[in-house]
Amino acid sequence: SVEFDRVGFGYPGGPPVLHEVSFTVPAGTRTALVGPSGAGKSTL
């Protein structure tokens, strides 16, 4: 399983790109990340 618990992140020298991201990927399941470009999907 993969769990994001109020995750925040910003690249060094830049502004925050993730703000309190929380969700859980249960073991053996398939979770999709969707949204507009620059939303932080690849960063996760």
All heavy atoms as atom14 arrays in JSON, in Angstrom:
{
  "sequence": "SVEFDRVGFGYPGGPPVLHEVSFTVPAGTRTALVGPSGAGKSTL",
  "atom14_mask": [
    [1, 1, 1, 1, 1, 1, 0, 0, 0, 0, 0, 0, 0, 0],
    [1, 1, 1, 1, 1, 1, 1, 0, 0, 0, 0, 0, 0, 0],
    [1, 1, 1, 1, 1, 1, 1, 1, 1, 0, 0, 0, 0, 0],
    [1, 1, 1, 1, 1, 1, 1, 1, 1, 1, 1, 0, 0, 0],
    [1, 1, 1, 1, 1, 1, 1, 1, 0, 0, 0, 0, 0, 0],
    [1, 1, 1, 1, 1, 1, 1, 1, 1, 1, 1, 0, 0, 0],
    [1, 1, 1, 1, 1, 1, 1, 0, 0, 0, 0, 0, 0, 0],
    [1, 1, 1, 1, 0, 0, 0, 0, 0, 0, 0, 0, 0, 0],
    [1, 1, 1, 1, 1, 1, 1, 1, 1, 1, 1, 0, 0, 0],
    [1, 1, 1, 1, 0, 0, 0, 0, 0, 0, 0, 0, 0, 0],
    [1, 1, 1, 1, 1, 1, 1, 1, 1, 1, 1, 1, 0, 0],
    [1, 1, 1, 1, 1, 1, 1, 0, 0, 0, 0, 0, 0, 0],
    [1, 1, 1, 1, 0, 0, 0, 0, 0, 0, 0, 0, 0, 0],
    [1, 1, 1, 1, 0, 0, 0, 0, 0, 0, 0, 0, 0, 0],
    [1, 1, 1, 1, 1, 1, 1, 0, 0, 0, 0, 0, 0, 0],
    [1, 1, 1, 1, 1, 1, 1, 0, 0, 0, 0, 0, 0, 0],
    [1, 1, 1, 1, 1, 1, 1, 0, 0, 0, 0, 0, 0, 0],
    [1, 1, 1, 1, 1, 1, 1, 1, 0, 0, 0, 0, 0, 0],
    [1, 1, 1, 1, 1, 1, 1, 1, 1, 1, 0, 0, 0, 0],
    [1, 1, 1, 1, 1, 1, 1, 1, 1, 0, 0, 0, 0, 0],
    [1, 1, 1, 1, 1, 1, 1, 0, 0, 0, 0, 0, 0, 0],
    [1, 1, 1, 1, 1, 1, 0, 0, 0, 0, 0, 0, 0, 0],
    [1, 1, 1, 1, 1, 1, 1, 1, 1, 1, 1, 0, 0, 0],
    [1, 1, 1, 1, 1, 1, 1, 0, 0, 0, 0, 0, 0, 0],
    [1, 1, 1, 1, 1, 1, 1, 0, 0, 0, 0, 0, 0, 0],
    [1, 1, 1, 1, 1, 1, 1, 0, 0, 0, 0, 0, 0, 0],
    [1, 1, 1, 1, 1, 0, 0, 0, 0, 0, 0, 0, 0, 0],
    [1, 1, 1, 1, 0, 0, 0, 0, 0, 0, 0, 0, 0, 0],
    [1, 1, 1, 1, 1, 1, 1, 0, 0, 0, 0, 0, 0, 0],
    [1, 1, 1, 1, 1, 1, 1, 1, 1, 1, 1, 0, 0, 0],
    [1, 1, 1, 1, 1, 1, 1, 0, 0, 0, 0, 0, 0, 0],
    [1, 1, 1, 1, 1, 0, 0, 0, 0, 0, 0, 0, 0, 0],
    [1, 1, 1, 1, 1, 1, 1, 1, 0, 0, 0, 0, 0, 0],
    [1, 1, 1, 1, 1, 1, 1, 0, 0, 0, 0, 0, 0, 0],
    [1, 1, 1, 1, 0, 0, 0, 0, 0, 0, 0, 0, 0, 0],
    [1, 1, 1, 1, 1, 1, 1, 0, 0, 0, 0, 0, 0, 0],
    [1, 1, 1, 1, 1, 1, 0, 0, 0, 0, 0, 0, 0, 0],
    [1, 1, 1, 1, 0, 0, 0, 0, 0, 0, 0, 0, 0, 0],
    [1, 1, 1, 1, 1, 0, 0, 0, 0, 0, 0, 0, 0, 0],
    [1, 1, 1, 1, 0, 0, 0, 0, 0, 0, 0, 0, 0, 0],
    [1, 1, 1, 1, 1, 1, 1, 1, 1, 0, 0, 0, 0, 0],
    [1, 1, 1, 1, 1, 1, 0, 0, 0, 0, 0, 0, 0, 0],
    [1, 1, 1, 1, 1, 1, 1, 0, 0, 0, 0, 0, 0, 0],
    [1, 1, 1, 1, 1, 1, 1, 1, 0, 0, 0, 0, 0, 0]
  ],
  "atom14_positions": [
    [[0.84, -1.19, 0.0], [0.0, 0.0, 0.0], [0.88, 1.25, 0.0], [2.02, 1.23, 0.48], [-0.91, 0.01, 1.23], [-0.15, 0.09, 2.42], [0.0, 0.0, 0.0], [0.0, 0.0, 0.0], [0.0, 0.0, 0.0], [0.0, 0.0, 0.0], [0.0, 0.0, 0.0], [0.0, 0.0, 0.0], [0.0, 0.0, 0.0], [0.0, 0.0, 0.0]],
    [[0.34, 2.34, -0.55], [1.05, 3.62, -0.59], [0.12, 4.66, 0.02], [-1.03, 4.8, -0.42], [1.43, 4.02, -2.03], [2.18, 5.34, -2.03], [2.25, 2.93, -2.7], [0.0, 0.0, 0.0], [0.0, 0.0, 0.0], [0.0, 0.0, 0.0], [0.0, 0.0, 0.0], [0.0, 0.0, 0.0], [0.0, 0.0, 0.0], [0.0, 0.0, 0.0]],
    [[0.62, 5.4, 0.99], [-0.22, 6.38, 1.68], [0.44, 7.75, 1.66], [1.6, 7.92, 2.07], [-0.45, 5.95, 3.13], [-1.27, 6.96, 3.93], [-1.33, 6.62, 5.4], [-0.73, 5.61, 5.8], [-1.97, 7.38, 6.16], [0.0, 0.0, 0.0], [0.0, 0.0, 0.0], [0.0, 0.0, 0.0], [0.0, 0.0, 0.0], [0.0, 0.0, 0.0]],
    [[-0.29, 8.74, 1.18], [0.13, 10.14, 1.24], [-0.64, 10.79, 2.38], [-1.88, 10.86, 2.35], [-0.17, 10.86, -0.08], [0.65, 10.4, -1.24], [0.25, 9.29, -1.99], [1.81, 11.05, -1.61], [1.0, 8.85, -3.06], [2.57, 10.62, -2.68], [2.16, 9.51, -3.41], [0.0, 0.0, 0.0], [0.0, 0.0, 0.0], [0.0, 0.0, 0.0]],
    [[0.08, 11.28, 3.38], [-0.54, 11.84, 4.58], [-0.18, 13.32, 4.69], [0.9, 13.68, 5.14], [-0.07, 11.07, 5.82], [-0.75, 11.57, 7.1], [-1.69, 12.38, 7.01], [-0.34, 11.12, 8.18], [0.0, 0.0, 0.0], [0.0, 0.0, 0.0], [0.0, 0.0, 0.0], [0.0, 0.0, 0.0], [0.0, 0.0, 0.0], [0.0, 0.0, 0.0]],
    [[-1.08, 14.19, 4.2], [-0.9, 15.65, 4.27], [0.47, 16.05, 3.73], [1.2, 16.85, 4.32], [-1.08, 16.15, 5.7], [-2.45, 15.82, 6.29], [-2.55, 16.23, 7.74], [-2.48, 17.67, 7.88], [-3.52, 18.5, 7.76], [-4.72, 18.0, 7.48], [-3.38, 19.79, 7.91], [0.0, 0.0, 0.0], [0.0, 0.0, 0.0], [0.0, 0.0, 0.0]],
    [[0.81, 15.52, 2.56], [2.12, 15.74, 1.96], [2.2, 17.14, 1.35], [1.32, 17.56, 0.59], [2.42, 14.68, 0.89], [3.65, 15.07, 0.06], [2.63, 13.32, 1.53], [0.0, 0.0, 0.0], [0.0, 0.0, 0.0], [0.0, 0.0, 0.0], [0.0, 0.0, 0.0], [0.0, 0.0, 0.0], [0.0, 0.0, 0.0], [0.0, 0.0, 0.0]],
    [[3.26, 17.84, 1.69], [3.58, 19.12, 1.07], [4.98, 19.08, 0.5], [5.87, 18.4, 1.05], [0.0, 0.0, 0.0], [0.0, 0.0, 0.0], [0.0, 0.0, 0.0], [0.0, 0.0, 0.0], [0.0, 0.0, 0.0], [0.0, 0.0, 0.0], [0.0, 0.0, 0.0], [0.0, 0.0, 0.0], [0.0, 0.0, 0.0], [0.0, 0.0, 0.0]],
    [[5.2, 19.78, -0.6], [6.51, 19.71, -1.23], [6.72, 20.93, -2.13], [5.79, 21.43, -2.77], [6.65, 18.44, -2.08], [7.92, 18.39, -2.89], [9.14, 18.13, -2.29], [7.89, 18.63, -4.26], [10.31, 18.1, -3.03], [9.06, 18.6, -5.01], [10.26, 18.34, -4.39], [0.0, 0.0, 0.0], [0.0, 0.0, 0.0], [0.0, 0.0, 0.0]],
    [[7.98, 21.39, -2.17], [8.39, 22.43, -3.08], [9.8, 22.15, -3.56], [10.66, 21.72, -2.77], [0.0, 0.0, 0.0], [0.0, 0.0, 0.0], [0.0, 0.0, 0.0], [0.0, 0.0, 0.0], [0.0, 0.0, 0.0], [0.0, 0.0, 0.0], [0.0, 0.0, 0.0], [0.0, 0.0, 0.0], [0.0, 0.0, 0.0], [0.0, 0.0, 0.0]],
    [[10.06, 22.34, -4.85], [11.4, 22.12, -5.38], [12.37, 23.14, -4.78], [11.96, 24.27, -4.46], [11.4, 22.22, -6.9], [10.69, 21.06, -7.57], [9.38, 21.19, -8.02], [11.33, 19.84, -7.72], [8.72, 20.12, -8.62], [10.68, 18.76, -8.32], [9.37, 18.92, -8.76], [8.73, 17.86, -9.35], [0.0, 0.0, 0.0], [0.0, 0.0, 0.0]],
    [[13.64, 22.77, -4.6], [14.61, 23.68, -3.98], [14.63, 25.04, -4.69], [14.78, 25.11, -5.91], [15.95, 22.94, -4.14], [15.56, 21.5, -4.2], [14.25, 21.46, -4.92], [0.0, 0.0, 0.0], [0.0, 0.0, 0.0], [0.0, 0.0, 0.0], [0.0, 0.0, 0.0], [0.0, 0.0, 0.0], [0.0, 0.0, 0.0], [0.0, 0.0, 0.0]],
    [[14.48, 26.08, -3.9], [14.51, 27.43, -4.45], [13.22, 27.88, -5.1], [13.17, 29.0, -5.64], [0.0, 0.0, 0.0], [0.0, 0.0, 0.0], [0.0, 0.0, 0.0], [0.0, 0.0, 0.0], [0.0, 0.0, 0.0], [0.0, 0.0, 0.0], [0.0, 0.0, 0.0], [0.0, 0.0, 0.0], [0.0, 0.0, 0.0], [0.0, 0.0, 0.0]],
    [[12.2, 27.05, -5.08], [10.93, 27.41, -5.72], [9.77, 27.4, -4.75], [9.92, 27.01, -3.59], [0.0, 0.0, 0.0], [0.0, 0.0, 0.0], [0.0, 0.0, 0.0], [0.0, 0.0, 0.0], [0.0, 0.0, 0.0], [0.0, 0.0, 0.0], [0.0, 0.0, 0.0], [0.0, 0.0, 0.0], [0.0, 0.0, 0.0], [0.0, 0.0, 0.0]],
    [[8.61, 27.84, -5.21], [7.43, 27.86, -4.34], [6.88, 26.45, -4.13], [7.22, 25.52, -4.88], [6.44, 28.73, -5.13], [6.83, 28.52, -6.55], [8.32, 28.36, -6.55], [0.0, 0.0, 0.0], [0.0, 0.0, 0.0], [0.0, 0.0, 0.0], [0.0, 0.0, 0.0], [0.0, 0.0, 0.0], [0.0, 0.0, 0.0], [0.0, 0.0, 0.0]],
    [[6.04, 26.24, -3.13], [5.43, 24.92, -2.92], [4.59, 24.51, -4.13], [3.9, 25.33, -4.73], [4.56, 25.13, -1.68], [5.14, 26.32, -0.99], [5.66, 27.21, -2.06], [0.0, 0.0, 0.0], [0.0, 0.0, 0.0], [0.0, 0.0, 0.0], [0.0, 0.0, 0.0], [0.0, 0.0, 0.0], [0.0, 0.0, 0.0], [0.0, 0.0, 0.0]],
    [[4.67, 23.23, -4.49], [3.89, 22.71, -5.62], [2.84, 21.7, -5.17], [1.93, 21.38, -5.93], [4.8, 22.07, -6.69], [5.7, 23.11, -7.31], [5.64, 20.95, -6.1], [0.0, 0.0, 0.0], [0.0, 0.0, 0.0], [0.0, 0.0, 0.0], [0.0, 0.0, 0.0], [0.0, 0.0, 0.0], [0.0, 0.0, 0.0], [0.0, 0.0, 0.0]],
    [[2.98, 21.18, -3.95], [1.98, 20.27, -3.38], [1.55, 20.8, -2.02], [2.39, 21.28, -1.24], [2.56, 18.86, -3.22], [2.95, 18.1, -4.5], [3.6, 16.77, -4.14], [1.74, 17.88, -5.41], [0.0, 0.0, 0.0], [0.0, 0.0, 0.0], [0.0, 0.0, 0.0], [0.0, 0.0, 0.0], [0.0, 0.0, 0.0], [0.0, 0.0, 0.0]],
    [[0.26, 20.71, -1.75], [-0.29, 21.26, -0.52], [-1.21, 20.23, 0.14], [-2.29, 19.93, -0.37], [-1.08, 22.54, -0.8], [-0.36, 23.54, -1.65], [0.51, 24.49, -1.13], [-0.35, 23.74, -3.0], [1.0, 25.22, -2.11], [0.5, 24.79, -3.27], [0.0, 0.0, 0.0], [0.0, 0.0, 0.0], [0.0, 0.0, 0.0], [0.0, 0.0, 0.0]],
    [[-0.77, 19.68, 1.26], [-1.58, 18.78, 2.08], [-2.3, 17.71, 1.24], [-3.51, 17.54, 1.32], [-2.59, 19.58, 2.9], [-1.93, 20.51, 3.91], [-2.94, 21.12, 4.86], [-4.15, 21.08, 4.55], [-2.52, 21.61, 5.92], [0.0, 0.0, 0.0], [0.0, 0.0, 0.0], [0.0, 0.0, 0.0], [0.0, 0.0, 0.0], [0.0, 0.0, 0.0]],
    [[-1.53, 17.02, 0.44], [-2.08, 15.95, -0.4], [-2.26, 14.69, 0.45], [-1.3, 14.2, 1.05], [-1.14, 15.66, -1.59], [-1.62, 14.44, -2.37], [-1.05, 16.87, -2.5], [0.0, 0.0, 0.0], [0.0, 0.0, 0.0], [0.0, 0.0, 0.0], [0.0, 0.0, 0.0], [0.0, 0.0, 0.0], [0.0, 0.0, 0.0], [0.0, 0.0, 0.0]],
    [[-3.47, 14.2, 0.51], [-3.76, 13.0, 1.31], [-4.65, 12.05, 0.52], [-5.72, 12.44, 0.06], [-4.47, 13.39, 2.62], [-3.62, 14.15, 3.45], [0.0, 0.0, 0.0], [0.0, 0.0, 0.0], [0.0, 0.0, 0.0], [0.0, 0.0, 0.0], [0.0, 0.0, 0.0], [0.0, 0.0, 0.0], [0.0, 0.0, 0.0], [0.0, 0.0, 0.0]],
    [[-4.17, 10.84, 0.32], [-4.98, 9.74, -0.22], [-4.19, 8.46, -0.03], [-2.98, 8.48, 0.22], [-5.34, 9.95, -1.69], [-4.17, 9.94, -2.64], [-3.74, 8.77, -3.25], [-3.49, 11.12, -2.93], [-2.67, 8.76, -4.13], [-2.42, 11.12, -3.81], [-2.01, 9.95, -4.4], [0.0, 0.0, 0.0], [0.0, 0.0, 0.0], [0.0, 0.0, 0.0]],
    [[-4.86, 7.34, -0.12], [-4.23, 6.03, 0.09], [-4.46, 5.14, -1.12], [-5.58, 5.1, -1.65], [-4.78, 5.35, 1.35], [-4.51, 6.17, 2.49], [-4.13, 3.98, 1.56], [0.0, 0.0, 0.0], [0.0, 0.0, 0.0], [0.0, 0.0, 0.0], [0.0, 0.0, 0.0], [0.0, 0.0, 0.0], [0.0, 0.0, 0.0], [0.0, 0.0, 0.0]],
    [[-3.41, 4.46, -1.55], [-3.51, 3.47, -2.61], [-3.48, 2.1, -1.94], [-2.41, 1.64, -1.51], [-2.35, 3.6, -3.61], [-2.53, 2.61, -4.77], [-2.25, 5.03, -4.14], [0.0, 0.0, 0.0], [0.0, 0.0, 0.0], [0.0, 0.0, 0.0], [0.0, 0.0, 0.0], [0.0, 0.0, 0.0], [0.0, 0.0, 0.0], [0.0, 0.0, 0.0]],
    [[-4.6, 1.42, -1.8], [-4.59, 0.11, -1.14], [-3.73, -0.89, -1.92], [-3.59, -0.81, -3.14], [-6.07, -0.29, -1.13], [-6.83, 0.99, -1.29], [-5.96, 1.86, -2.16], [0.0, 0.0, 0.0], [0.0, 0.0, 0.0], [0.0, 0.0, 0.0], [0.0, 0.0, 0.0], [0.0, 0.0, 0.0], [0.0, 0.0, 0.0], [0.0, 0.0, 0.0]],
    [[-3.17, -1.84, -1.2], [-2.33, -2.85, -1.83], [-3.11, -3.65, -2.85], [-4.26, -4.04, -2.62], [-1.77, -3.79, -0.76], [0.0, 0.0, 0.0], [0.0, 0.0, 0.0], [0.0, 0.0, 0.0], [0.0, 0.0, 0.0], [0.0, 0.0, 0.0], [0.0, 0.0, 0.0], [0.0, 0.0, 0.0], [0.0, 0.0, 0.0], [0.0, 0.0, 0.0]],
    [[-2.5, -3.87, -4.02], [-3.13, -4.67, -5.06], [-4.19, -3.97, -5.86], [-4.93, -4.62, -6.6], [0.0, 0.0, 0.0], [0.0, 0.0, 0.0], [0.0, 0.0, 0.0], [0.0, 0.0, 0.0], [0.0, 0.0, 0.0], [0.0, 0.0, 0.0], [0.0, 0.0, 0.0], [0.0, 0.0, 0.0], [0.0, 0.0, 0.0], [0.0, 0.0, 0.0]],
    [[-4.3, -2.65, -5.75], [-5.31, -1.9, -6.5], [-4.62, -0.96, -7.49], [-3.4, -0.79, -7.49], [-6.2, -1.08, -5.56], [-5.41, -0.08, -4.89], [-6.87, -1.98, -4.53], [0.0, 0.0, 0.0], [0.0, 0.0, 0.0], [0.0, 0.0, 0.0], [0.0, 0.0, 0.0], [0.0, 0.0, 0.0], [0.0, 0.0, 0.0], [0.0, 0.0, 0.0]],
    [[-5.45, -0.33, -8.31], [-4.96, 0.57, -9.34], [-5.53, 1.96, -9.1], [-6.74, 2.15, -9.06], [-5.38, 0.03, -10.71], [-4.93, 0.87, -11.87], [-5.19, 0.2, -13.2], [-6.11, -0.92, -13.14], [-6.53, -1.6, -14.19], [-6.09, -1.26, -15.38], [-7.37, -2.61, -14.08], [0.0, 0.0, 0.0], [0.0, 0.0, 0.0], [0.0, 0.0, 0.0]],
    [[-4.64, 2.93, -8.91], [-5.04, 4.32, -8.68], [-4.48, 5.19, -9.79], [-3.31, 5.09, -10.14], [-4.55, 4.82, -7.31], [-5.23, 4.1, -6.27], [-4.82, 6.3, -7.13], [0.0, 0.0, 0.0], [0.0, 0.0, 0.0], [0.0, 0.0, 0.0], [0.0, 0.0, 0.0], [0.0, 0.0, 0.0], [0.0, 0.0, 0.0], [0.0, 0.0, 0.0]],
    [[-5.33, 6.05, -10.33], [-4.92, 6.96, -11.4], [-4.86, 8.39, -10.88], [-5.71, 8.8, -10.07], [-5.9, 6.87, -12.57], [0.0, 0.0, 0.0], [0.0, 0.0, 0.0], [0.0, 0.0, 0.0], [0.0, 0.0, 0.0], [0.0, 0.0, 0.0], [0.0, 0.0, 0.0], [0.0, 0.0, 0.0], [0.0, 0.0, 0.0], [0.0, 0.0, 0.0]],
    [[-3.84, 9.13, -11.32], [-3.71, 10.54, -11.0], [-4.02, 11.33, -12.27], [-3.35, 11.16, -13.28], [-2.29, 10.85, -10.52], [-1.79, 10.07, -9.3], [-0.34, 10.44, -9.0], [-2.66, 10.34, -8.1], [0.0, 0.0, 0.0], [0.0, 0.0, 0.0], [0.0, 0.0, 0.0], [0.0, 0.0, 0.0], [0.0, 0.0, 0.0], [0.0, 0.0, 0.0]],
    [[-5.03, 12.17, -12.21], [-5.42, 12.97, -13.37], [-5.53, 14.42, -12.96], [-5.6, 14.75, -11.77], [-6.77, 12.48, -13.97], [-6.7, 11.01, -14.34], [-7.92, 12.72, -13.0], [0.0, 0.0, 0.0], [0.0, 0.0, 0.0], [0.0, 0.0, 0.0], [0.0, 0.0, 0.0], [0.0, 0.0, 0.0], [0.0, 0.0, 0.0], [0.0, 0.0, 0.0]],
    [[-5.55, 15.29, -13.96], [-5.65, 16.71, -13.7], [-4.92, 17.5, -14.77], [-4.22, 16.92, -15.62], [0.0, 0.0, 0.0], [0.0, 0.0, 0.0], [0.0, 0.0, 0.0], [0.0, 0.0, 0.0], [0.0, 0.0, 0.0], [0.0, 0.0, 0.0], [0.0, 0.0, 0.0], [0.0, 0.0, 0.0], [0.0, 0.0, 0.0], [0.0, 0.0, 0.0]],
    [[-5.06, 18.81, -14.76], [-4.37, 19.63, -15.77], [-2.86, 19.59, -15.61], [-2.34, 19.17, -14.57], [-4.92, 21.05, -15.49], [-5.46, 21.01, -14.11], [-5.87, 19.62, -13.83], [0.0, 0.0, 0.0], [0.0, 0.0, 0.0], [0.0, 0.0, 0.0], [0.0, 0.0, 0.0], [0.0, 0.0, 0.0], [0.0, 0.0, 0.0], [0.0, 0.0, 0.0]],
    [[-2.15, 19.99, -16.65], [-0.68, 20.02, -16.6], [-0.23, 20.95, -15.48], [-0.8, 22.01, -15.27], [-0.11, 20.5, -17.94], [-0.46, 19.6, -18.98], [0.0, 0.0, 0.0], [0.0, 0.0, 0.0], [0.0, 0.0, 0.0], [0.0, 0.0, 0.0], [0.0, 0.0, 0.0], [0.0, 0.0, 0.0], [0.0, 0.0, 0.0], [0.0, 0.0, 0.0]],
    [[0.82, 20.53, -14.77], [1.34, 21.33, -13.68], [0.63, 21.14, -12.36], [0.92, 21.86, -11.4], [0.0, 0.0, 0.0], [0.0, 0.0, 0.0], [0.0, 0.0, 0.0], [0.0, 0.0, 0.0], [0.0, 0.0, 0.0], [0.0, 0.0, 0.0], [0.0, 0.0, 0.0], [0.0, 0.0, 0.0], [0.0, 0.0, 0.0], [0.0, 0.0, 0.0]],
    [[-0.27, 20.15, -12.3], [-1.02, 19.94, -11.06], [-0.21, 19.2, -10.0], [-0.6, 19.17, -8.83], [-2.31, 19.16, -11.35], [0.0, 0.0, 0.0], [0.0, 0.0, 0.0], [0.0, 0.0, 0.0], [0.0, 0.0, 0.0], [0.0, 0.0, 0.0], [0.0, 0.0, 0.0], [0.0, 0.0, 0.0], [0.0, 0.0, 0.0], [0.0, 0.0, 0.0]],
    [[0.92, 18.58, -10.39], [1.77, 17.89, -9.42], [1.72, 16.38, -9.52], [2.2, 15.68, -8.61], [0.0, 0.0, 0.0], [0.0, 0.0, 0.0], [0.0, 0.0, 0.0], [0.0, 0.0, 0.0], [0.0, 0.0, 0.0], [0.0, 0.0, 0.0], [0.0, 0.0, 0.0], [0.0, 0.0, 0.0], [0.0, 0.0, 0.0], [0.0, 0.0, 0.0]],
    [[1.21, 15.85, -10.62], [1.04, 14.39, -10.74], [2.39, 13.68, -10.8], [2.64, 12.74, -10.04], [0.22, 14.08, -12.0], [-1.15, 14.76, -12.04], [-1.95, 14.38, -13.26], [-1.33, 14.87, -14.55], [-1.28, 16.35, -14.64], [0.0, 0.0, 0.0], [0.0, 0.0, 0.0], [0.0, 0.0, 0.0], [0.0, 0.0, 0.0], [0.0, 0.0, 0.0]],
    [[3.27, 14.1, -11.69], [4.58, 13.45, -11.81], [5.43, 13.68, -10.56], [6.26, 12.84, -10.2], [5.32, 13.96, -13.05], [4.63, 13.61, -14.24], [0.0, 0.0, 0.0], [0.0, 0.0, 0.0], [0.0, 0.0, 0.0], [0.0, 0.0, 0.0], [0.0, 0.0, 0.0], [0.0, 0.0, 0.0], [0.0, 0.0, 0.0], [0.0, 0.0, 0.0]],
    [[5.23, 14.81, -9.9], [5.96, 15.08, -8.67], [5.64, 14.05, -7.6], [6.52, 13.63, -6.85], [5.63, 16.49, -8.17], [6.0, 17.46, -9.15], [6.37, 16.8, -6.88], [0.0, 0.0, 0.0], [0.0, 0.0, 0.0], [0.0, 0.0, 0.0], [0.0, 0.0, 0.0], [0.0, 0.0, 0.0], [0.0, 0.0, 0.0], [0.0, 0.0, 0.0]],
    [[4.4, 13.61, -7.53], [4.02, 12.59, -6.55], [4.78, 11.29, -6.79], [5.24, 10.63, -5.84], [2.52, 12.34, -6.6], [1.62, 13.46, -6.04], [0.15, 13.1, -6.23], [1.91, 13.7, -4.57], [0.0, 0.0, 0.0], [0.0, 0.0, 0.0], [0.0, 0.0, 0.0], [0.0, 0.0, 0.0], [0.0, 0.0, 0.0], [0.0, 0.0, 0.0]]
  ]
}
